[in-house]
Amino acid sequence: PQSAINTGHIVNLNGPTELEEHTNAVQFAAPLQALGHHTYNTNLNSGLHVIMIEPHRLIGAVDSRREGSAKGY
């Protein structure tokens, strides 16, 4: 989950697809445009924290732009 968070945000609310500027999310512009999406790069500065549930453990991941940390065993 940490790798996914580190990629940057991609948002589509039934219109143009927003790609978080200055992140790896912008690499999806050309493939999305080839599928007919209108894309643009913008500041998507929201924080995101994730807990992935596996059969015998939880894996946490955090957005480095926000406070917080993932701890566990």
PDB file of N, CA and C in Angstrom:
ATOM      1  N   PRO A   1       0.804  -1.217   0.000  1.00  0.00           N
ATOM      2  CA  PRO A   1       0.000   0.000   0.000  1.00  0.00           C
ATOM      3  C   PRO A   1       0.847   1.283   0.000  1.00  0.00           C
ATOM      4  N   GLN A   2       2.053   1.220   0.569  1.00  0.00           N
ATOM      5  CA  GLN A   2       2.882   2.431   0.600  1.00  0.00           C
ATOM      6  C   GLN A   2       3.278   2.854  -0.803  1.00  0.00           C
ATOM      7  N   SER A   3       3.586   1.905  -1.650  1.00  0.00           N
ATOM      8  CA  SER A   3       3.947   2.217  -3.029  1.00  0.00           C
ATOM      9  C   SER A   3       2.793   2.909  -3.754  1.00  0.00           C
ATOM     10  N   ALA A   4       1.579   2.452  -3.510  1.00  0.00           N
ATOM     11  CA  ALA A   4       0.408   3.071  -4.143  1.00  0.00           C
ATOM     12  C   ALA A   4       0.225   4.509  -3.679  1.00  0.00           C
ATOM     13  N   ILE A   5       0.384   4.757  -2.389  1.00  0.00           N
ATOM     14  CA  ILE A   5       0.249   6.110  -1.865  1.00  0.00           C
ATOM     15  C   ILE A   5       1.333   7.017  -2.440  1.00  0.00           C
ATOM     16  N   ASN A   6       2.543   6.496  -2.563  1.00  0.00           N
ATOM     17  CA  ASN A   6       3.659   7.299  -3.051  1.00  0.00           C
ATOM     18  C   ASN A   6       3.527   7.686  -4.516  1.00  0.00           C
ATOM     19  N   THR A   7       2.681   6.995  -5.265  1.00  0.00           N
ATOM     20  CA  THR A   7       2.506   7.285  -6.689  1.00  0.00           C
ATOM     21  C   THR A   7       1.899   8.661  -6.917  1.00  0.00           C
ATOM     22  N   GLY A   8       1.052   9.114  -6.028  1.00  0.00           N
ATOM     23  CA  GLY A   8       0.339  10.377  -6.205  1.00  0.00           C
ATOM     24  C   GLY A   8      -1.121  10.106  -6.491  1.00  0.00           C
ATOM     25  N   HIS A   9      -1.910  11.139  -6.408  1.00  0.00           N
ATOM     26  CA  HIS A   9      -3.356  10.986  -6.544  1.00  0.00           C
ATOM     27  C   HIS A   9      -3.809  11.113  -7.996  1.00  0.00           C
ATOM     28  N   ILE A  10      -4.817  10.332  -8.332  1.00  0.00           N
ATOM     29  CA  ILE A  10      -5.499  10.402  -9.627  1.00  0.00           C
ATOM     30  C   ILE A  10      -6.991  10.485  -9.308  1.00  0.00           C
ATOM     31  N   VAL A  11      -7.650  11.520  -9.813  1.00  0.00           N
ATOM     32  CA  VAL A  11      -9.051  11.757  -9.474  1.00  0.00           C
ATOM     33  C   VAL A  11      -9.863  11.930 -10.749  1.00  0.00           C
ATOM     34  N   ASN A  12     -11.009  11.256 -10.803  1.00  0.00           N
ATOM     35  CA  ASN A  12     -11.961  11.494 -11.881  1.00  0.00           C
ATOM     36  C   ASN A  12     -13.353  11.499 -11.271  1.00  0.00           C
ATOM     37  N   LEU A  13     -14.039  12.625 -11.399  1.00  0.00           N
ATOM     38  CA  LEU A  13     -15.392  12.771 -10.867  1.00  0.00           C
ATOM     39  C   LEU A  13     -16.395  12.877 -12.013  1.00  0.00           C
ATOM     40  N   ASN A  14     -16.268  11.952 -12.967  1.00  0.00           N
ATOM     41  CA  ASN A  14     -17.149  11.918 -14.139  1.00  0.00           C
ATOM     42  C   ASN A  14     -16.904  13.083 -15.073  1.00  0.00           C
ATOM     43  N   GLY A  15     -15.639  13.468 -15.196  1.00  0.00           N
ATOM     44  CA  GLY A  15     -15.238  14.551 -16.077  1.00  0.00           C
ATOM     45  C   GLY A  15     -13.773  14.369 -16.421  1.00  0.00           C
ATOM     46  N   PRO A  16     -13.023  15.456 -16.502  1.00  0.00           N
ATOM     47  CA  PRO A  16     -11.592  15.339 -16.779  1.00  0.00           C
ATOM     48  C   PRO A  16     -10.886  14.567 -15.660  1.00  0.00           C
ATOM     49  N   THR A  17      -9.821  13.910 -16.013  1.00  0.00           N
ATOM     50  CA  THR A  17      -9.028  13.165 -15.039  1.00  0.00           C
ATOM     51  C   THR A  17      -7.907  14.055 -14.530  1.00  0.00           C
ATOM     52  N   GLU A  18      -7.879  14.254 -13.218  1.00  0.00           N
ATOM     53  CA  GLU A  18      -6.872  15.089 -12.583  1.00  0.00           C
ATOM     54  C   GLU A  18      -5.707  14.216 -12.122  1.00  0.00           C
ATOM     55  N   LEU A  19      -4.500  14.625 -12.471  1.00  0.00           N
ATOM     56  CA  LEU A  19      -3.290  13.916 -12.073  1.00  0.00           C
ATOM     57  C   LEU A  19      -2.487  14.834 -11.163  1.00  0.00           C
ATOM     58  N   GLU A  20      -2.034  14.305 -10.047  1.00  0.00           N
ATOM     59  CA  GLU A  20      -1.308  15.136  -9.093  1.00  0.00           C
ATOM     60  C   GLU A  20       0.036  15.560  -9.670  1.00  0.00           C
ATOM     61  N   GLU A  21       0.204  16.873  -9.816  1.00  0.00           N
ATOM     62  CA  GLU A  21       1.437  17.402 -10.387  1.00  0.00           C
ATOM     63  C   GLU A  21       2.630  17.067  -9.501  1.00  0.00           C
ATOM     64  N   HIS A  22       3.792  16.976 -10.127  1.00  0.00           N
ATOM     65  CA  HIS A  22       5.065  16.717  -9.438  1.00  0.00           C
ATOM     66  C   HIS A  22       5.107  15.350  -8.753  1.00  0.00           C
ATOM     67  N   THR A  23       4.305  14.390  -9.231  1.00  0.00           N
ATOM     68  CA  THR A  23       4.349  13.019  -8.706  1.00  0.00           C
ATOM     69  C   THR A  23       4.398  12.052  -9.886  1.00  0.00           C
ATOM     70  N   ASN A  24       4.546  10.780  -9.587  1.00  0.00           N
ATOM     71  CA  ASN A  24       4.557   9.757 -10.641  1.00  0.00           C
ATOM     72  C   ASN A  24       3.192   9.570 -11.294  1.00  0.00           C
ATOM     73  N   ALA A  25       2.153  10.169 -10.727  1.00  0.00           N
ATOM     74  CA  ALA A  25       0.813  10.049 -11.321  1.00  0.00           C
ATOM     75  C   ALA A  25       0.772  10.634 -12.730  1.00  0.00           C
ATOM     76  N   VAL A  26       1.609  11.635 -13.008  1.00  0.00           N
ATOM     77  CA  VAL A  26       1.576  12.270 -14.328  1.00  0.00           C
ATOM     78  C   VAL A  26       2.002  11.315 -15.444  1.00  0.00           C
ATOM     79  N   GLN A  27       2.674  10.219 -15.108  1.00  0.00           N
ATOM     80  CA  GLN A  27       3.079   9.253 -16.131  1.00  0.00           C
ATOM     81  C   GLN A  27       1.879   8.541 -16.768  1.00  0.00           C
ATOM     82  N   PHE A  28       0.708   8.654 -16.138  1.00  0.00           N
ATOM     83  CA  PHE A  28      -0.487   8.009 -16.667  1.00  0.00           C
ATOM     84  C   PHE A  28      -1.224   8.882 -17.680  1.00  0.00           C
ATOM     85  N   ALA A  29      -0.756  10.100 -17.919  1.00  0.00           N
ATOM     86  CA  ALA A  29      -1.454  11.014 -18.830  1.00  0.00           C
ATOM     87  C   ALA A  29      -1.596  10.425 -20.229  1.00  0.00           C
ATOM     88  N   ALA A  30      -0.507  10.018 -20.839  1.00  0.00           N
ATOM     89  CA  ALA A  30      -0.570   9.514 -22.226  1.00  0.00           C
ATOM     90  C   ALA A  30      -1.432   8.259 -22.351  1.00  0.00           C
ATOM     91  N   PRO A  31      -1.267   7.251 -21.476  1.00  0.00           N
ATOM     92  CA  PRO A  31      -2.149   6.081 -21.590  1.00  0.00           C
ATOM     93  C   PRO A  31      -3.623   6.419 -21.385  1.00  0.00           C
ATOM     94  N   LEU A  32      -3.927   7.317 -20.472  1.00  0.00           N
ATOM     95  CA  LEU A  32      -5.315   7.708 -20.255  1.00  0.00           C
ATOM     96  C   LEU A  32      -5.867   8.481 -21.450  1.00  0.00           C
ATOM     97  N   GLN A  33      -5.057   9.364 -22.029  1.00  0.00           N
ATOM     98  CA  GLN A  33      -5.490  10.112 -23.208  1.00  0.00           C
ATOM     99  C   GLN A  33      -5.726   9.179 -24.387  1.00  0.00           C
ATOM    100  N   ALA A  34      -4.920   8.131 -24.493  1.00  0.00           N
ATOM    101  CA  ALA A  34      -5.111   7.150 -25.572  1.00  0.00           C
ATOM    102  C   ALA A  34      -6.450   6.427 -25.435  1.00  0.00           C
ATOM    103  N   LEU A  35      -6.964   6.382 -24.202  1.00  0.00           N
ATOM    104  CA  LEU A  35      -8.273   5.769 -23.952  1.00  0.00           C
ATOM    105  C   LEU A  35      -9.416   6.782 -24.055  1.00  0.00           C
ATOM    106  N   GLY A  36      -9.082   8.037 -24.389  1.00  0.00           N
ATOM    107  CA  GLY A  36     -10.102   9.052 -24.585  1.00  0.00           C
ATOM    108  C   GLY A  36     -10.319   9.995 -23.414  1.00  0.00           C
ATOM    109  N   HIS A  37      -9.506   9.888 -22.380  1.00  0.00           N
ATOM    110  CA  HIS A  37      -9.647  10.785 -21.223  1.00  0.00           C
ATOM    111  C   HIS A  37      -9.009  12.139 -21.511  1.00  0.00           C
ATOM    112  N   HIS A  38      -9.645  13.182 -21.040  1.00  0.00           N
ATOM    113  CA  HIS A  38      -9.020  14.507 -21.002  1.00  0.00           C
ATOM    114  C   HIS A  38      -8.330  14.586 -19.647  1.00  0.00           C
ATOM    115  N   THR A  39      -7.028  14.865 -19.630  1.00  0.00           N
ATOM    116  CA  THR A  39      -6.290  14.903 -18.368  1.00  0.00           C
ATOM    117  C   THR A  39      -5.659  16.272 -18.166  1.00  0.00           C
ATOM    118  N   TYR A  40      -5.418  16.600 -16.920  1.00  0.00           N
ATOM    119  CA  TYR A  40      -4.603  17.762 -16.597  1.00  0.00           C
ATOM    120  C   TYR A  40      -3.925  17.548 -15.253  1.00  0.00           C
ATOM    121  N   ASN A  41      -2.775  18.170 -15.104  1.00  0.00           N
ATOM    122  CA  ASN A  41      -2.004  18.082 -13.877  1.00  0.00           C
ATOM    123  C   ASN A  41      -2.425  19.216 -12.957  1.00  0.00           C
ATOM    124  N   THR A  42      -2.592  18.895 -11.690  1.00  0.00           N
ATOM    125  CA  THR A  42      -3.042  19.898 -10.727  1.00  0.00           C
ATOM    126  C   THR A  42      -2.543  19.557  -9.335  1.00  0.00           C
ATOM    127  N   ASN A  43      -2.685  20.488  -8.417  1.00  0.00           N
ATOM    128  CA  ASN A  43      -2.296  20.280  -7.034  1.00  0.00           C
ATOM    129  C   ASN A  43      -3.392  19.491  -6.321  1.00  0.00           C
ATOM    130  N   LEU A  44      -3.119  18.241  -6.022  1.00  0.00           N
ATOM    131  CA  LEU A  44      -4.056  17.397  -5.276  1.00  0.00           C
ATOM    132  C   LEU A  44      -3.394  17.079  -3.939  1.00  0.00           C
ATOM    133  N   ASN A  45      -3.550  17.968  -3.007  1.00  0.00           N
ATOM    134  CA  ASN A  45      -2.769  17.931  -1.782  1.00  0.00           C
ATOM    135  C   ASN A  45      -3.531  17.326  -0.609  1.00  0.00           C
ATOM    136  N   SER A  46      -4.333  16.313  -0.849  1.00  0.00           N
ATOM    137  CA  SER A  46      -5.027  15.684   0.273  1.00  0.00           C
ATOM    138  C   SER A  46      -4.150  14.598   0.872  1.00  0.00           C
ATOM    139  N   GLY A  47      -4.375  14.292   2.123  1.00  0.00           N
ATOM    140  CA  GLY A  47      -3.634  13.230   2.779  1.00  0.00           C
ATOM    141  C   GLY A  47      -4.396  11.917   2.697  1.00  0.00           C
ATOM    142  N   LEU A  48      -3.682  10.840   2.764  1.00  0.00           N
ATOM    143  CA  LEU A  48      -4.299   9.525   2.654  1.00  0.00           C
ATOM    144  C   LEU A  48      -3.540   8.557   3.544  1.00  0.00           C
ATOM    145  N   HIS A  49      -4.259   7.813   4.349  1.00  0.00           N
ATOM    146  CA  HIS A  49      -3.668   6.745   5.147  1.00  0.00           C
ATOM    147  C   HIS A  49      -4.401   5.458   4.791  1.00  0.00           C
ATOM    148  N   VAL A  50      -3.687   4.342   4.800  1.00  0.00           N
ATOM    149  CA  VAL A  50      -4.253   3.063   4.356  1.00  0.00           C
ATOM    150  C   VAL A  50      -3.940   1.975   5.375  1.00  0.00           C
ATOM    151  N   ILE A  51      -4.891   1.096   5.604  1.00  0.00           N
ATOM    152  CA  ILE A  51      -4.650  -0.141   6.343  1.00  0.00           C
ATOM    153  C   ILE A  51      -5.086  -1.281   5.440  1.00  0.00           C
ATOM    154  N   MET A  52      -4.130  -2.129   5.070  1.00  0.00           N
ATOM    155  CA  MET A  52      -4.425  -3.301   4.249  1.00  0.00           C
ATOM    156  C   MET A  52      -4.613  -4.492   5.190  1.00  0.00           C
ATOM    157  N   ILE A  53      -5.727  -5.179   5.051  1.00  0.00           N
ATOM    158  CA  ILE A  53      -6.054  -6.293   5.922  1.00  0.00           C
ATOM    159  C   ILE A  53      -5.678  -7.593   5.225  1.00  0.00           C
ATOM    160  N   GLU A  54      -4.789  -8.345   5.857  1.00  0.00           N
ATOM    161  CA  GLU A  54      -4.408  -9.671   5.375  1.00  0.00           C
ATOM    162  C   GLU A  54      -4.877 -10.699   6.404  1.00  0.00           C
ATOM    163  N   PRO A  55      -4.862 -11.987   6.080  1.00  0.00           N
ATOM    164  CA  PRO A  55      -5.417 -12.990   6.996  1.00  0.00           C
ATOM    165  C   PRO A  55      -4.861 -12.932   8.431  1.00  0.00           C
ATOM    166  N   HIS A  56      -3.582 -12.685   8.598  1.00  0.00           N
ATOM    167  CA  HIS A  56      -3.011 -12.728   9.947  1.00  0.00           C
ATOM    168  C   HIS A  56      -2.227 -11.475  10.313  1.00  0.00           C
ATOM    169  N   ARG A  57      -2.463 -10.373   9.577  1.00  0.00           N
ATOM    170  CA  ARG A  57      -1.751  -9.146   9.904  1.00  0.00           C
ATOM    171  C   ARG A  57      -2.406  -7.957   9.218  1.00  0.00           C
ATOM    172  N   LEU A  58      -2.054  -6.798   9.714  1.00  0.00           N
ATOM    173  CA  LEU A  58      -2.467  -5.534   9.110  1.00  0.00           C
ATOM    174  C   LEU A  58      -1.212  -4.830   8.617  1.00  0.00           C
ATOM    175  N   ILE A  59      -1.291  -4.185   7.465  1.00  0.00           N
ATOM    176  CA  ILE A  59      -0.157  -3.438   6.920  1.00  0.00           C
ATOM    177  C   ILE A  59      -0.600  -1.990   6.767  1.00  0.00           C
ATOM    178  N   GLY A  60       0.125  -1.087   7.410  1.00  0.00           N
ATOM    179  CA  GLY A  60      -0.232   0.325   7.368  1.00  0.00           C
ATOM    180  C   GLY A  60       0.663   1.097   6.415  1.00  0.00           C
ATOM    181  N   ALA A  61       0.129   2.167   5.864  1.00  0.00           N
ATOM    182  CA  ALA A  61       0.887   3.069   4.991  1.00  0.00           C
ATOM    183  C   ALA A  61       0.340   4.478   5.203  1.00  0.00           C
ATOM    184  N   VAL A  62       1.234   5.475   5.102  1.00  0.00           N
ATOM    185  CA  VAL A  62       0.829   6.850   5.370  1.00  0.00           C
ATOM    186  C   VAL A  62       1.328   7.791   4.281  1.00  0.00           C
ATOM    187  N   ASP A  63       0.622   8.878   4.134  1.00  0.00           N
ATOM    188  CA  ASP A  63       1.003   9.936   3.202  1.00  0.00           C
ATOM    189  C   ASP A  63       2.007  10.832   3.907  1.00  0.00           C
ATOM    190  N   SER A  64       3.194  10.950   3.354  1.00  0.00           N
ATOM    191  CA  SER A  64       4.261  11.714   3.996  1.00  0.00           C
ATOM    192  C   SER A  64       3.954  13.210   4.064  1.00  0.00           C
ATOM    193  N   ARG A  65       2.945  13.673   3.335  1.00  0.00           N
ATOM    194  CA  ARG A  65       2.582  15.099   3.360  1.00  0.00           C
ATOM    195  C   ARG A  65       1.727  15.454   4.568  1.00  0.00           C
ATOM    196  N   ARG A  66       1.354  14.455   5.337  1.00  0.00           N
ATOM    197  CA  ARG A  66       0.486  14.685   6.500  1.00  0.00           C
ATOM    198  C   ARG A  66       1.145  14.093   7.744  1.00  0.00           C
ATOM    199  N   GLU A  67       0.628  14.521   8.897  1.00  0.00           N
ATOM    200  CA  GLU A  67       1.130  13.969  10.143  1.00  0.00           C
ATOM    201  C   GLU A  67       0.658  12.527  10.276  1.00  0.00           C
ATOM    202  N   GLY A  68       1.358  11.763  11.080  1.00  0.00           N
ATOM    203  CA  GLY A  68       0.959  10.387  11.325  1.00  0.00           C
ATOM    204  C   GLY A  68       2.065   9.425  10.957  1.00  0.00           C
ATOM    205  N   SER A  69       1.913   8.231  11.439  1.00  0.00           N
ATOM    206  CA  SER A  69       2.868   7.172  11.126  1.00  0.00           C
ATOM    207  C   SER A  69       2.159   5.837  11.223  1.00  0.00           C
ATOM    208  N   ALA A  70       2.721   4.838  10.591  1.00  0.00           N
ATOM    209  CA  ALA A  70       2.172   3.489  10.640  1.00  0.00           C
ATOM    210  C   ALA A  70       3.075   2.662  11.543  1.00  0.00           C
ATOM    211  N   LYS A  71       2.481   2.065  12.544  1.00  0.00           N
ATOM    212  CA  LYS A  71       3.230   1.222  13.481  1.00  0.00           C
ATOM    213  C   LYS A  71       2.514  -0.115  13.609  1.00  0.00           C
ATOM    214  N   GLY A  72       3.248  -1.127  13.859  1.00  0.00           N
ATOM    215  CA  GLY A  72       2.632  -2.426  14.032  1.00  0.00           C
ATOM    216  C   GLY A  72       3.666  -3.507  14.190  1.00  0.00           C
ATOM    217  N   TYR A  73       3.207  -4.720  14.151  1.00  0.00           N
ATOM    218  CA  TYR A  73       4.098  -5.867  14.264  1.00  0.00           C
ATOM    219  C   TYR A  73       3.638  -6.981  13.372  1.00  0.00           C
TER     220      TYR A  73
END
